[in-house]
Every structure is written in structure tokens, then in C-alpha cells.
Amino acid sequence: MFQPKLSVITVVYNDLKGIEGTMLSVLNQTYANIEYIIVDGSSTDGTLEVIKKYRDRIKLISEKDEGIYDAMNKGLAMAAGNYVLFMNSGDEIYSSDTVAKVFAAADDADIYYGETEMINDDGQSLGQRRHKAPTTFTWKSFKYGMNVSHQAIYIKRSLAEPYNRQYHLSADIDWIIRAAQKANKIVKAQGYVAKYLVGGMSKQRHRQSLLERFDIMKRYYGLVPTLFNHLVITFNLGWYWLRNRRTND
């Protein structure tokens, strides 16, 4: 059976409420060949004490960092697995057999991906993301929006470069596109593979996040196509909200 080593990386700072659920979603996987790395930014609210309850099952870095992507780069530098998955505090791997199902989908893919369920602060389901994961995914798939979430993509370690720290909120989009450009075999796993906690920094600083996303898309897809694609994105978003408002009414 195809059983590569997976490095799961969790970045956290002062998230006492969310960290243990994230950790248990990783540590309770039926798939055995997992290396779990936690990068803590010197938390002061009790988060670190929760992490240390599982000290013998994880690799831990706890020190101040220069932002989320600096922390993620630290975890990536430590990763010794064949594949990497980022599952940041508050997010969860979907179920205990998810990793086993992902790698059972096909042998030796460069990238595996799947669907994401949104959850709120209480862990209640908010349903599937508005952007559904495409049946076929390439580096061009993000031109109409990020249709595969960061928590739902497993990337071969040899393709995973450091995050570009010129971006403060959307470097994950750039990171995935760069990996996908080099990938030859990309496989979709069936069903949900991750739970995404709604309301992160990109939501809190939405305008900056959108500007960064536009800059990234312009770099990869060109200015004129990106302007046109954003018209399509705006139309699709408006139609989505109109359709759902009618359903709710």
C-alpha cells in the first residue's frame, strides 16, 4: 500500500479555545505515518500548556515570529515528510480516517486535494465553501477565486517552496500556485477532507487580503485577464448571495 510520510504543520498564537481540537484531529488519525509539527509564537494564554500535554507525540517550536508566514516557513523547514499539510489552529482534519482516504485515492500524486466544510467558533457546520473544489485542478484554477482551501491540499514536500513573505494575508494562494505549476499528477480525494474555521485574519483585514490576491493573480494570469476574471467573480458572488437569499426567504 502507498503510505508516504505526511508532515502536518500547525501554526498557533494565543488560541486556547481552538488548539486542542486541531491537535486531536491530527493525533487521532488512523493513518500512522504522520509527523506533527507545531509552531507556537510564544503564546501567553495557556495555549502552550495545552500543547505540552501531547509533547511526546509532536515536534514543537515555541518562539516569537515575524508573522504567520514566517511561522509557517519555520514549520516547513522542519518538515521531513514526503508530503506537507498545513492545519492551523482552529481548523481540523475532517475525520479520523481522512488522511488514509486521501492517500488511498491514488499512488504518488504530486498534489492531493478535496472539499472543505466551514465551521463556526462553536464547531458547528456552516456547510460547504461557496467555491467548490474543481473536478480537475491546475495552477490556472485560481483565476476565478481560491476554489481549494489551504487546509484541504496535500503537497509533495519536494514541490513546496517557502512562502513569499511580501504577502501578509494571501501568501498561501501564491504558494499553492507555485507548487501546482511544477506538479504533473494532481488527484482529487472524494468528499470533505478539512474543516475551516471562518473568520481568520484575511476576513478581519478583507481589503488588504483582496489587494494581495489581485496582485498574485495579476502576476500569474496577466493584468487584463485578471480584470476580466474579477468581473466574473463579482457576478458569481452577487448571483450566489441572491440565490441563497431567495432560498432563505
Foldseek 3Di string as FASTA:
>chain_A
DAQWAEEEEAEDAQDLLFAVQAVCLVVLAPRDRYAYEYEYQQHDNCNVVSVVVCVVRYHYHYHHADADLRSVLVSLVPDPTQKYAYAYTNKHFDHNHLVVQQCVQDHDFQKEFEWEWEAESVRDTPGTDPQDADQDDALCVCLLHDNTDRRGMIGGSVLQDRFDVVQRAASSNVRVSSSRNPTDGYYYGPDHGMYHYPDDPCNVVVVSVVVVVLVSSCVVPNNVSSVVSVVVNVVSVVVVVVVVVVVVD
